[in-house]
N, C-alpha and C. Protein backbone atom coordinates (compact mmCIF):
# COMPACT_ATOMS: atom_id res chain seq x y z
N MET A 1 87.64 112.55 116.86
CA MET A 1 86.21 112.24 116.91
C MET A 1 85.85 111.32 115.75
N VAL A 2 85.01 110.36 115.99
CA VAL A 2 84.64 109.40 114.97
C VAL A 2 83.84 110.10 113.89
N GLY A 3 84.24 109.95 112.64
CA GLY A 3 83.53 110.60 111.54
C GLY A 3 82.31 109.82 111.12
N LYS A 4 81.42 110.48 110.41
CA LYS A 4 80.19 109.82 109.97
C LYS A 4 80.50 108.64 109.06
N GLU A 5 81.55 108.77 108.25
CA GLU A 5 81.85 107.72 107.31
C GLU A 5 82.32 106.45 108.01
N ASN A 6 82.76 106.56 109.27
CA ASN A 6 83.25 105.40 110.01
C ASN A 6 82.19 104.78 110.90
N LEU A 7 81.00 105.37 110.91
CA LEU A 7 79.94 104.86 111.76
C LEU A 7 79.28 103.68 111.06
N ARG A 8 79.49 102.47 111.59
CA ARG A 8 78.96 101.27 110.96
C ARG A 8 77.93 100.62 111.87
N THR A 9 77.02 99.88 111.26
CA THR A 9 75.96 99.23 112.02
C THR A 9 76.54 98.28 113.05
N GLU A 10 77.59 97.54 112.66
CA GLU A 10 78.16 96.58 113.61
C GLU A 10 78.78 97.27 114.81
N ASP A 11 79.30 98.51 114.62
CA ASP A 11 79.85 99.25 115.75
C ASP A 11 78.76 99.57 116.77
N LEU A 12 77.62 100.04 116.27
CA LEU A 12 76.52 100.35 117.17
C LEU A 12 75.99 99.09 117.84
N ASN A 13 75.95 97.99 117.09
CA ASN A 13 75.48 96.73 117.67
C ASN A 13 76.38 96.30 118.82
N LEU A 14 77.69 96.47 118.66
CA LEU A 14 78.62 96.12 119.72
C LEU A 14 78.37 96.96 120.96
N CYS A 15 78.11 98.25 120.74
CA CYS A 15 77.83 99.14 121.88
C CYS A 15 76.59 98.68 122.63
N PHE A 16 75.55 98.34 121.88
CA PHE A 16 74.32 97.90 122.53
C PHE A 16 74.51 96.55 123.21
N GLU A 17 75.35 95.68 122.65
CA GLU A 17 75.63 94.40 123.29
C GLU A 17 76.32 94.61 124.63
N LYS A 18 77.20 95.62 124.68
CA LYS A 18 77.86 95.94 125.94
C LYS A 18 76.85 96.41 126.98
N LEU A 19 75.88 97.20 126.52
CA LEU A 19 74.83 97.65 127.43
C LEU A 19 74.08 96.46 128.01
N MET A 20 73.76 95.50 127.17
CA MET A 20 73.02 94.33 127.62
C MET A 20 73.84 93.51 128.61
N MET A 21 75.15 93.41 128.36
CA MET A 21 76.02 92.65 129.27
C MET A 21 76.08 93.31 130.64
N VAL A 22 76.18 94.64 130.64
CA VAL A 22 76.21 95.36 131.92
C VAL A 22 74.91 95.17 132.66
N ALA A 23 73.81 95.28 131.92
CA ALA A 23 72.50 95.14 132.56
C ALA A 23 72.30 93.73 133.10
N GLY A 24 72.93 92.75 132.43
CA GLY A 24 72.76 91.37 132.86
C GLY A 24 73.83 90.91 133.82
N GLY A 25 74.57 91.85 134.39
CA GLY A 25 75.60 91.48 135.35
C GLY A 25 76.83 90.89 134.71
N GLY A 26 77.17 91.39 133.49
CA GLY A 26 78.39 90.93 132.83
C GLY A 26 78.19 89.68 132.01
N GLY A 27 76.93 89.29 131.80
CA GLY A 27 76.66 88.13 130.95
C GLY A 27 76.81 86.83 131.68
N GLY A 28 77.05 86.89 133.00
CA GLY A 28 77.28 85.66 133.73
C GLY A 28 76.08 85.23 134.52
N GLY A 29 74.90 85.63 134.08
CA GLY A 29 73.70 85.22 134.80
C GLY A 29 73.24 86.31 135.72
N GLY A 30 72.01 86.21 136.16
CA GLY A 30 71.47 87.22 137.07
C GLY A 30 71.05 88.43 136.30
N GLY A 31 69.83 88.47 135.86
CA GLY A 31 69.38 89.57 135.02
C GLY A 31 68.80 90.70 135.81
N GLY A 32 69.22 90.83 137.07
CA GLY A 32 68.65 91.88 137.90
C GLY A 32 69.28 93.22 137.64
N GLU A 33 68.97 94.17 138.52
CA GLU A 33 69.48 95.52 138.38
C GLU A 33 70.95 95.56 138.76
N LYS A 34 71.61 96.60 138.28
CA LYS A 34 72.97 96.86 138.68
C LYS A 34 73.04 98.27 139.21
N GLY A 35 73.15 98.38 140.52
CA GLY A 35 73.19 99.70 141.13
C GLY A 35 71.88 100.43 141.04
N GLY A 36 70.82 99.71 140.65
CA GLY A 36 69.51 100.34 140.57
C GLY A 36 69.39 101.36 139.46
N LYS A 37 70.29 101.27 138.46
CA LYS A 37 70.30 102.29 137.42
C LYS A 37 69.97 101.73 136.04
N MET A 38 70.18 100.44 135.84
CA MET A 38 69.91 99.86 134.54
C MET A 38 69.06 98.61 134.71
N LYS A 39 68.01 98.50 133.95
CA LYS A 39 67.13 97.35 134.02
C LYS A 39 66.96 96.77 132.63
N ALA A 40 67.29 95.48 132.51
CA ALA A 40 67.07 94.76 131.25
C ALA A 40 67.60 95.53 130.05
N GLY A 41 68.79 96.12 130.19
CA GLY A 41 69.41 96.81 129.07
C GLY A 41 68.88 98.19 128.81
N VAL A 42 68.04 98.73 129.71
CA VAL A 42 67.47 100.06 129.52
C VAL A 42 68.27 101.07 130.33
N ILE A 43 68.71 102.13 129.68
CA ILE A 43 69.46 103.19 130.35
C ILE A 43 68.48 104.09 131.08
N THR A 44 68.71 104.28 132.37
CA THR A 44 67.81 105.13 133.15
C THR A 44 68.43 106.46 133.52
N GLU A 45 69.74 106.62 133.29
CA GLU A 45 70.42 107.88 133.54
C GLU A 45 71.36 108.18 132.38
N TRP A 46 71.47 109.46 132.03
CA TRP A 46 72.31 109.85 130.91
C TRP A 46 73.74 109.36 131.08
N LYS A 47 74.24 109.43 132.30
CA LYS A 47 75.64 109.10 132.52
C LYS A 47 75.94 107.62 132.33
N ASP A 48 74.89 106.79 132.20
CA ASP A 48 75.10 105.36 132.01
C ASP A 48 75.47 104.99 130.58
N ILE A 49 75.34 105.93 129.65
CA ILE A 49 75.69 105.62 128.26
C ILE A 49 77.20 105.41 128.16
N PRO A 50 77.65 104.29 127.61
CA PRO A 50 79.09 104.04 127.46
C PRO A 50 79.75 105.12 126.60
N VAL A 51 81.00 105.40 126.89
CA VAL A 51 81.73 106.44 126.17
C VAL A 51 81.75 106.17 124.68
N GLU A 52 81.97 104.89 124.30
CA GLU A 52 82.04 104.55 122.87
C GLU A 52 80.75 104.92 122.15
N LEU A 53 79.62 104.59 122.77
CA LEU A 53 78.33 104.89 122.16
C LEU A 53 78.07 106.39 122.14
N LEU A 54 78.45 107.06 123.22
CA LEU A 54 78.26 108.51 123.28
C LEU A 54 79.00 109.21 122.15
N MET A 55 80.26 108.83 121.92
CA MET A 55 81.04 109.48 120.88
C MET A 55 80.51 109.14 119.49
N GLN A 56 79.96 107.93 119.34
CA GLN A 56 79.34 107.56 118.07
C GLN A 56 78.13 108.46 117.79
N ILE A 57 77.32 108.66 118.82
CA ILE A 57 76.13 109.49 118.67
C ILE A 57 76.52 110.93 118.34
N LEU A 58 77.50 111.44 119.07
CA LEU A 58 77.91 112.83 118.88
C LEU A 58 78.55 113.08 117.52
N SER A 59 79.05 112.02 116.90
CA SER A 59 79.64 112.18 115.57
C SER A 59 78.58 112.50 114.52
N LEU A 60 77.31 112.32 114.88
CA LEU A 60 76.21 112.56 113.94
C LEU A 60 75.59 113.94 114.08
N VAL A 61 76.00 114.69 115.10
CA VAL A 61 75.37 115.98 115.34
C VAL A 61 76.38 117.11 115.09
N ASP A 62 75.87 118.34 115.09
CA ASP A 62 76.74 119.48 114.82
C ASP A 62 77.55 119.85 116.06
N ASP A 63 78.57 120.67 115.86
CA ASP A 63 79.49 121.01 116.94
C ASP A 63 78.81 121.81 118.06
N GLN A 64 77.82 122.59 117.72
CA GLN A 64 77.10 123.35 118.74
C GLN A 64 76.40 122.40 119.71
N THR A 65 75.83 121.32 119.17
CA THR A 65 75.17 120.32 120.01
C THR A 65 76.18 119.58 120.87
N VAL A 66 77.36 119.32 120.32
CA VAL A 66 78.42 118.65 121.09
C VAL A 66 78.80 119.48 122.31
N ILE A 67 78.96 120.78 122.10
CA ILE A 67 79.32 121.67 123.21
C ILE A 67 78.22 121.66 124.27
N THR A 68 76.96 121.69 123.82
CA THR A 68 75.84 121.64 124.76
C THR A 68 75.84 120.33 125.53
N ALA A 69 76.13 119.23 124.83
CA ALA A 69 76.13 117.91 125.46
C ALA A 69 77.18 117.80 126.56
N SER A 70 78.26 118.56 126.43
CA SER A 70 79.33 118.48 127.43
C SER A 70 78.87 119.01 128.80
N GLY A 71 77.72 119.67 128.82
CA GLY A 71 77.21 120.19 130.09
C GLY A 71 76.13 119.34 130.71
N VAL A 72 75.82 118.19 130.11
CA VAL A 72 74.73 117.34 130.62
C VAL A 72 75.08 116.74 131.98
N CYS A 73 76.28 116.18 132.09
CA CYS A 73 76.71 115.58 133.36
C CYS A 73 78.23 115.46 133.34
N ARG A 74 78.79 115.12 134.48
CA ARG A 74 80.25 115.05 134.60
C ARG A 74 80.84 113.98 133.68
N GLY A 75 80.16 112.85 133.57
CA GLY A 75 80.66 111.77 132.72
C GLY A 75 80.74 112.19 131.26
N TRP A 76 79.67 112.83 130.79
CA TRP A 76 79.68 113.31 129.41
C TRP A 76 80.74 114.37 129.21
N ARG A 77 80.85 115.28 130.18
CA ARG A 77 81.84 116.35 130.08
C ARG A 77 83.24 115.79 129.92
N ASP A 78 83.61 114.85 130.78
CA ASP A 78 84.96 114.29 130.73
C ASP A 78 85.19 113.52 129.43
N ALA A 79 84.17 112.77 129.01
CA ALA A 79 84.30 111.98 127.78
C ALA A 79 84.51 112.88 126.57
N ILE A 80 83.76 113.97 126.51
CA ILE A 80 83.85 114.88 125.37
C ILE A 80 85.15 115.69 125.42
N TYR A 81 85.49 116.19 126.60
CA TYR A 81 86.71 116.99 126.72
C TYR A 81 87.95 116.20 126.31
N PHE A 82 87.99 114.92 126.71
CA PHE A 82 89.19 114.13 126.45
C PHE A 82 89.08 113.26 125.20
N GLY A 83 87.87 113.15 124.63
CA GLY A 83 87.70 112.29 123.47
C GLY A 83 87.51 113.03 122.16
N LEU A 84 87.23 114.33 122.23
CA LEU A 84 86.96 115.09 121.01
C LEU A 84 88.27 115.48 120.33
N ALA A 85 88.37 115.14 119.04
CA ALA A 85 89.59 115.45 118.29
C ALA A 85 89.37 116.56 117.27
N ARG A 86 88.10 116.84 116.95
CA ARG A 86 87.82 117.87 115.95
C ARG A 86 86.72 118.80 116.45
N LEU A 87 86.93 120.10 116.26
CA LEU A 87 85.93 121.08 116.69
C LEU A 87 85.92 122.25 115.72
N SER A 88 84.71 122.68 115.36
CA SER A 88 84.54 123.86 114.52
C SER A 88 83.64 124.86 115.24
N LEU A 89 84.08 126.10 115.27
CA LEU A 89 83.27 127.18 115.84
C LEU A 89 82.84 128.16 114.76
N SER A 90 82.92 127.75 113.51
CA SER A 90 82.57 128.63 112.41
C SER A 90 81.10 129.02 112.40
N TRP A 91 80.28 128.24 113.09
CA TRP A 91 78.85 128.54 113.17
C TRP A 91 78.58 129.75 114.07
N CYS A 92 79.55 130.12 114.89
CA CYS A 92 79.36 131.20 115.85
C CYS A 92 79.62 132.55 115.18
N SER A 93 78.57 133.24 114.83
CA SER A 93 78.71 134.51 114.11
C SER A 93 78.95 135.69 115.03
N LYS A 94 78.71 135.49 116.33
CA LYS A 94 78.94 136.55 117.31
C LYS A 94 79.71 135.98 118.49
N ASN A 95 80.64 136.76 119.01
CA ASN A 95 81.40 136.39 120.21
C ASN A 95 82.20 135.10 120.06
N MET A 96 82.67 134.81 118.84
CA MET A 96 83.51 133.62 118.67
C MET A 96 84.77 133.72 119.51
N ASN A 97 85.31 134.92 119.61
CA ASN A 97 86.55 135.09 120.37
C ASN A 97 86.36 134.68 121.83
N ASN A 98 85.30 135.16 122.45
CA ASN A 98 85.04 134.81 123.86
C ASN A 98 84.72 133.33 124.02
N LEU A 99 83.98 132.77 123.07
CA LEU A 99 83.64 131.35 123.14
C LEU A 99 84.89 130.50 123.05
N ALA A 100 85.76 130.83 122.12
CA ALA A 100 87.00 130.08 121.97
C ALA A 100 87.88 130.21 123.21
N LEU A 101 87.94 131.39 123.78
CA LEU A 101 88.72 131.61 124.99
C LEU A 101 88.27 130.69 126.12
N SER A 102 86.96 130.50 126.24
CA SER A 102 86.42 129.70 127.34
C SER A 102 86.51 128.20 127.07
N LEU A 103 86.45 127.79 125.80
CA LEU A 103 86.42 126.36 125.48
C LEU A 103 87.80 125.73 125.33
N VAL A 104 88.73 126.48 124.79
CA VAL A 104 90.04 125.91 124.46
C VAL A 104 90.73 125.20 125.64
N PRO A 105 90.72 125.76 126.85
CA PRO A 105 91.39 125.06 127.95
C PRO A 105 90.74 123.73 128.31
N LYS A 106 89.53 123.49 127.85
CA LYS A 106 88.81 122.25 128.17
C LYS A 106 89.05 121.17 127.11
N PHE A 107 89.13 121.58 125.85
CA PHE A 107 89.30 120.63 124.76
C PHE A 107 90.78 120.54 124.39
N THR A 108 91.56 119.95 125.25
CA THR A 108 93.02 119.95 125.08
C THR A 108 93.53 118.86 124.14
N LYS A 109 92.65 117.94 123.73
CA LYS A 109 93.08 116.84 122.86
C LYS A 109 92.74 117.07 121.39
N LEU A 110 92.35 118.28 121.06
CA LEU A 110 91.97 118.59 119.69
C LEU A 110 93.13 118.39 118.73
N GLN A 111 92.80 117.82 117.58
CA GLN A 111 93.77 117.70 116.49
C GLN A 111 93.38 118.60 115.32
N THR A 112 92.10 118.95 115.26
CA THR A 112 91.60 119.84 114.21
C THR A 112 90.74 120.92 114.85
N LEU A 113 91.03 122.18 114.53
CA LEU A 113 90.26 123.30 115.06
C LEU A 113 89.96 124.27 113.92
N ILE A 114 88.66 124.46 113.65
CA ILE A 114 88.23 125.32 112.56
C ILE A 114 87.62 126.59 113.14
N LEU A 115 88.25 127.73 112.85
CA LEU A 115 87.78 129.02 113.35
C LEU A 115 87.58 129.99 112.19
N ARG A 116 87.05 129.48 111.11
CA ARG A 116 86.79 130.30 109.93
C ARG A 116 85.68 131.32 110.23
N GLN A 117 85.86 132.55 109.77
CA GLN A 117 84.91 133.61 110.09
C GLN A 117 84.45 134.35 108.85
N ASP A 118 83.23 134.86 108.91
CA ASP A 118 82.74 135.75 107.86
C ASP A 118 83.10 137.20 108.20
N LYS A 119 83.06 137.50 109.50
CA LYS A 119 83.48 138.81 109.99
C LYS A 119 84.59 138.59 111.01
N PRO A 120 85.66 139.39 110.95
CA PRO A 120 86.80 139.16 111.85
C PRO A 120 86.43 139.31 113.32
N GLN A 121 86.69 138.27 114.10
CA GLN A 121 86.41 138.29 115.53
C GLN A 121 87.62 137.89 116.37
N LEU A 122 88.38 136.92 115.88
CA LEU A 122 89.48 136.38 116.67
C LEU A 122 90.55 137.43 116.95
N GLU A 123 91.11 137.35 118.16
CA GLU A 123 92.19 138.24 118.56
C GLU A 123 93.40 137.42 119.00
N ASP A 124 94.53 138.08 119.11
CA ASP A 124 95.77 137.37 119.42
C ASP A 124 95.71 136.58 120.72
N ASN A 125 95.02 137.11 121.72
CA ASN A 125 95.00 136.41 123.01
C ASN A 125 94.33 135.05 122.91
N THR A 126 93.38 134.90 121.99
CA THR A 126 92.72 133.61 121.80
C THR A 126 93.67 132.61 121.14
N VAL A 127 94.38 133.04 120.12
CA VAL A 127 95.32 132.15 119.45
C VAL A 127 96.44 131.75 120.41
N GLU A 128 96.86 132.67 121.26
CA GLU A 128 97.88 132.35 122.25
C GLU A 128 97.38 131.30 123.23
N ARG A 129 96.11 131.39 123.58
CA ARG A 129 95.54 130.37 124.47
C ARG A 129 95.45 129.02 123.78
N ILE A 130 95.09 129.03 122.51
CA ILE A 130 95.07 127.79 121.74
C ILE A 130 96.45 127.14 121.76
N ALA A 131 97.47 127.93 121.52
CA ALA A 131 98.83 127.41 121.50
C ALA A 131 99.27 126.90 122.87
N ASN A 132 98.73 127.48 123.93
CA ASN A 132 99.11 127.08 125.28
C ASN A 132 98.46 125.77 125.71
N TYR A 133 97.30 125.44 125.14
CA TYR A 133 96.55 124.27 125.59
C TYR A 133 96.44 123.15 124.56
N CYS A 134 96.41 123.48 123.30
CA CYS A 134 96.15 122.47 122.26
C CYS A 134 97.44 122.09 121.54
N HIS A 135 98.29 121.36 122.22
CA HIS A 135 99.60 121.02 121.66
C HIS A 135 99.54 119.90 120.63
N ASP A 136 98.39 119.22 120.52
CA ASP A 136 98.27 118.11 119.56
C ASP A 136 97.68 118.55 118.23
N LEU A 137 97.43 119.84 118.06
CA LEU A 137 96.80 120.32 116.84
C LEU A 137 97.62 119.96 115.60
N GLN A 138 96.89 119.46 114.60
CA GLN A 138 97.50 119.16 113.31
C GLN A 138 96.92 120.03 112.20
N ILE A 139 95.65 120.41 112.37
CA ILE A 139 94.97 121.25 111.38
C ILE A 139 94.36 122.45 112.09
N LEU A 140 94.70 123.64 111.61
CA LEU A 140 94.20 124.88 112.22
C LEU A 140 93.75 125.84 111.12
N ASP A 141 92.51 126.29 111.22
CA ASP A 141 91.96 127.23 110.24
C ASP A 141 91.66 128.56 110.92
N LEU A 142 92.42 129.58 110.57
CA LEU A 142 92.24 130.93 111.11
C LEU A 142 91.85 131.92 110.02
N SER A 143 91.30 131.42 108.94
CA SER A 143 91.04 132.26 107.78
C SER A 143 90.13 133.44 108.10
N LYS A 144 90.42 134.55 107.44
CA LYS A 144 89.69 135.82 107.57
C LYS A 144 89.82 136.44 108.96
N SER A 145 90.90 136.12 109.64
CA SER A 145 91.13 136.71 110.97
C SER A 145 91.96 137.98 110.79
N PHE A 146 91.30 139.03 110.34
CA PHE A 146 92.00 140.27 110.00
C PHE A 146 92.64 140.94 111.21
N LYS A 147 92.14 140.63 112.41
CA LYS A 147 92.64 141.30 113.62
C LYS A 147 93.95 140.69 114.13
N LEU A 148 94.29 139.51 113.66
CA LEU A 148 95.47 138.83 114.18
C LEU A 148 96.76 139.50 113.70
N THR A 149 97.75 139.50 114.60
CA THR A 149 99.06 140.05 114.28
C THR A 149 100.11 138.95 114.38
N ASP A 150 101.36 139.33 114.23
CA ASP A 150 102.45 138.35 114.29
C ASP A 150 102.50 137.60 115.62
N ARG A 151 101.94 138.18 116.66
CA ARG A 151 101.90 137.51 117.97
C ARG A 151 101.29 136.12 117.85
N SER A 152 100.27 136.00 117.03
CA SER A 152 99.58 134.72 116.87
C SER A 152 100.49 133.68 116.22
N LEU A 153 101.21 134.06 115.20
CA LEU A 153 102.09 133.11 114.52
C LEU A 153 103.24 132.67 115.43
N TYR A 154 103.77 133.60 116.21
CA TYR A 154 104.83 133.23 117.14
C TYR A 154 104.32 132.24 118.19
N ALA A 155 103.10 132.46 118.66
CA ALA A 155 102.51 131.56 119.65
C ALA A 155 102.28 130.17 119.07
N VAL A 156 101.72 130.10 117.87
CA VAL A 156 101.47 128.81 117.21
C VAL A 156 102.79 128.08 116.96
N ALA A 157 103.81 128.82 116.60
CA ALA A 157 105.12 128.21 116.33
C ALA A 157 105.64 127.45 117.55
N HIS A 158 105.44 128.02 118.72
CA HIS A 158 105.95 127.40 119.95
C HIS A 158 105.00 126.35 120.53
N GLY A 159 103.70 126.55 120.35
CA GLY A 159 102.74 125.67 121.02
C GLY A 159 102.18 124.54 120.19
N CYS A 160 102.30 124.61 118.87
CA CYS A 160 101.68 123.59 118.00
C CYS A 160 102.70 123.05 117.01
N PRO A 161 103.69 122.32 117.47
CA PRO A 161 104.77 121.84 116.59
C PRO A 161 104.35 120.76 115.61
N ASP A 162 103.18 120.13 115.84
CA ASP A 162 102.74 119.03 114.98
C ASP A 162 101.82 119.47 113.85
N LEU A 163 101.67 120.76 113.65
CA LEU A 163 100.79 121.26 112.59
C LEU A 163 101.21 120.71 111.23
N THR A 164 100.22 120.21 110.49
CA THR A 164 100.47 119.77 109.11
C THR A 164 99.72 120.63 108.11
N LYS A 165 98.66 121.31 108.58
CA LYS A 165 97.86 122.15 107.68
C LYS A 165 97.44 123.41 108.41
N LEU A 166 97.72 124.57 107.80
CA LEU A 166 97.38 125.85 108.41
C LEU A 166 96.75 126.75 107.35
N ASN A 167 95.57 127.26 107.67
CA ASN A 167 94.87 128.18 106.77
C ASN A 167 94.85 129.56 107.41
N ILE A 168 95.63 130.49 106.85
CA ILE A 168 95.64 131.87 107.34
C ILE A 168 95.27 132.81 106.20
N SER A 169 94.48 132.31 105.27
CA SER A 169 94.05 133.15 104.15
C SER A 169 93.28 134.36 104.65
N GLY A 170 93.60 135.51 104.10
CA GLY A 170 92.93 136.73 104.50
C GLY A 170 93.51 137.40 105.72
N CYS A 171 94.51 136.78 106.35
CA CYS A 171 95.15 137.39 107.53
C CYS A 171 96.23 138.35 107.04
N SER A 172 95.82 139.51 106.65
CA SER A 172 96.70 140.43 105.94
C SER A 172 97.74 141.11 106.82
N ALA A 173 97.64 140.98 108.14
CA ALA A 173 98.58 141.68 109.03
C ALA A 173 99.84 140.87 109.30
N PHE A 174 99.87 139.60 108.93
CA PHE A 174 101.04 138.77 109.19
C PHE A 174 102.22 139.21 108.32
N SER A 175 103.41 139.19 108.89
CA SER A 175 104.61 139.58 108.15
C SER A 175 105.37 138.35 107.67
N ASP A 176 106.28 138.55 106.74
CA ASP A 176 107.07 137.43 106.24
C ASP A 176 108.04 136.92 107.30
N ASN A 177 108.50 137.79 108.20
CA ASN A 177 109.39 137.35 109.27
C ASN A 177 108.68 136.38 110.22
N ALA A 178 107.44 136.69 110.55
CA ALA A 178 106.68 135.82 111.45
C ALA A 178 106.37 134.49 110.78
N LEU A 179 106.08 134.52 109.49
CA LEU A 179 105.79 133.29 108.76
C LEU A 179 107.04 132.41 108.68
N ALA A 180 108.18 133.03 108.43
CA ALA A 180 109.43 132.28 108.38
C ALA A 180 109.74 131.67 109.75
N TYR A 181 109.44 132.41 110.79
CA TYR A 181 109.66 131.91 112.16
C TYR A 181 108.79 130.69 112.41
N LEU A 182 107.53 130.76 112.00
CA LEU A 182 106.60 129.64 112.16
C LEU A 182 107.11 128.41 111.42
N ALA A 183 107.54 128.61 110.19
CA ALA A 183 108.01 127.49 109.37
C ALA A 183 109.24 126.82 109.99
N GLY A 184 110.02 127.61 110.71
CA GLY A 184 111.21 127.06 111.33
C GLY A 184 110.90 126.12 112.49
N PHE A 185 109.76 126.31 113.13
CA PHE A 185 109.38 125.47 114.27
C PHE A 185 108.41 124.35 113.87
N CYS A 186 107.51 124.64 112.96
CA CYS A 186 106.50 123.65 112.55
C CYS A 186 107.03 122.90 111.32
N ARG A 187 107.93 121.98 111.55
CA ARG A 187 108.61 121.30 110.45
C ARG A 187 107.73 120.27 109.75
N LYS A 188 106.58 119.93 110.34
CA LYS A 188 105.68 118.95 109.72
C LYS A 188 104.65 119.62 108.81
N LEU A 189 104.68 120.94 108.75
CA LEU A 189 103.70 121.69 107.97
C LEU A 189 103.82 121.37 106.48
N LYS A 190 102.71 120.89 105.90
CA LYS A 190 102.71 120.51 104.49
C LYS A 190 101.78 121.37 103.64
N VAL A 191 100.70 121.86 104.26
CA VAL A 191 99.72 122.66 103.52
C VAL A 191 99.57 124.01 104.21
N LEU A 192 99.81 125.08 103.45
CA LEU A 192 99.74 126.43 104.01
C LEU A 192 98.98 127.33 103.04
N ASN A 193 97.83 127.82 103.48
CA ASN A 193 97.00 128.69 102.64
C ASN A 193 97.32 130.14 102.97
N LEU A 194 97.94 130.84 102.01
CA LEU A 194 98.37 132.23 102.23
C LEU A 194 97.59 133.21 101.36
N CYS A 195 96.47 132.79 100.83
CA CYS A 195 95.70 133.66 99.95
C CYS A 195 95.33 134.96 100.67
N GLY A 196 95.72 136.08 100.10
CA GLY A 196 95.41 137.37 100.70
C GLY A 196 96.42 137.85 101.73
N CYS A 197 97.43 137.04 102.02
CA CYS A 197 98.47 137.44 102.98
C CYS A 197 99.56 138.20 102.23
N VAL A 198 99.28 139.42 101.87
CA VAL A 198 100.16 140.17 100.97
C VAL A 198 101.51 140.49 101.60
N ARG A 199 101.56 140.64 102.91
CA ARG A 199 102.83 140.97 103.57
C ARG A 199 103.65 139.72 103.87
N ALA A 200 102.97 138.60 104.06
CA ALA A 200 103.67 137.38 104.48
C ALA A 200 104.17 136.55 103.31
N ALA A 201 103.44 136.57 102.20
CA ALA A 201 103.78 135.70 101.07
C ALA A 201 104.88 136.32 100.21
N THR A 202 106.07 136.41 100.78
CA THR A 202 107.22 136.93 100.04
C THR A 202 108.18 135.80 99.72
N ASP A 203 109.10 136.06 98.83
CA ASP A 203 110.09 135.04 98.46
C ASP A 203 110.91 134.61 99.67
N THR A 204 111.22 135.55 100.54
CA THR A 204 112.02 135.24 101.73
C THR A 204 111.33 134.22 102.62
N ALA A 205 110.05 134.44 102.87
CA ALA A 205 109.30 133.54 103.75
C ALA A 205 109.09 132.18 103.11
N LEU A 206 108.80 132.16 101.82
CA LEU A 206 108.48 130.91 101.14
C LEU A 206 109.70 130.03 100.92
N GLN A 207 110.88 130.59 101.04
CA GLN A 207 112.10 129.80 100.86
C GLN A 207 112.48 129.02 102.11
N VAL A 208 111.88 129.33 103.23
CA VAL A 208 112.23 128.66 104.49
C VAL A 208 111.75 127.21 104.45
């Protein structure tokens, strides 16, 4: 997903120029309507917004709004599902587990997924689903997921081989064997937060 720091005025200008070209019949003359949906560069239906402009706009709003936007129309849904690279559900203080279960199969192109919690909600079945669908993940934050067991680490090991950063701080149920197993499969892993993982942070696991 395009970050706020990459949003430049010239990028937005290009998007609007494309809108004008479409409205004008591709810039080759004839300033009439196109399909009866756009007049003189004015968008008359939500689905007429170009994907580039849509993703630029969504980069300025919070993740809850992005999820809501995915339900506006089929065009927006497809653009967001296949164009979104970063998602955080940390704002969800209740039912995060169920929300993640329902969303993960749709956002299959995620590279960053933040599931940080104040109160433990995530369960192993959710992490297993993440591993089954989000194979491009590079950054995963599962901090304070006290309910998770070794099942989650085994699933991530097989489903997310491109992980470079993993935060499992506070996940006290993980064992050193499961952590060593994960390290054996996720060879690109460079940053690992083990704060509070008293069973996993052993010399045996850290030597892998």
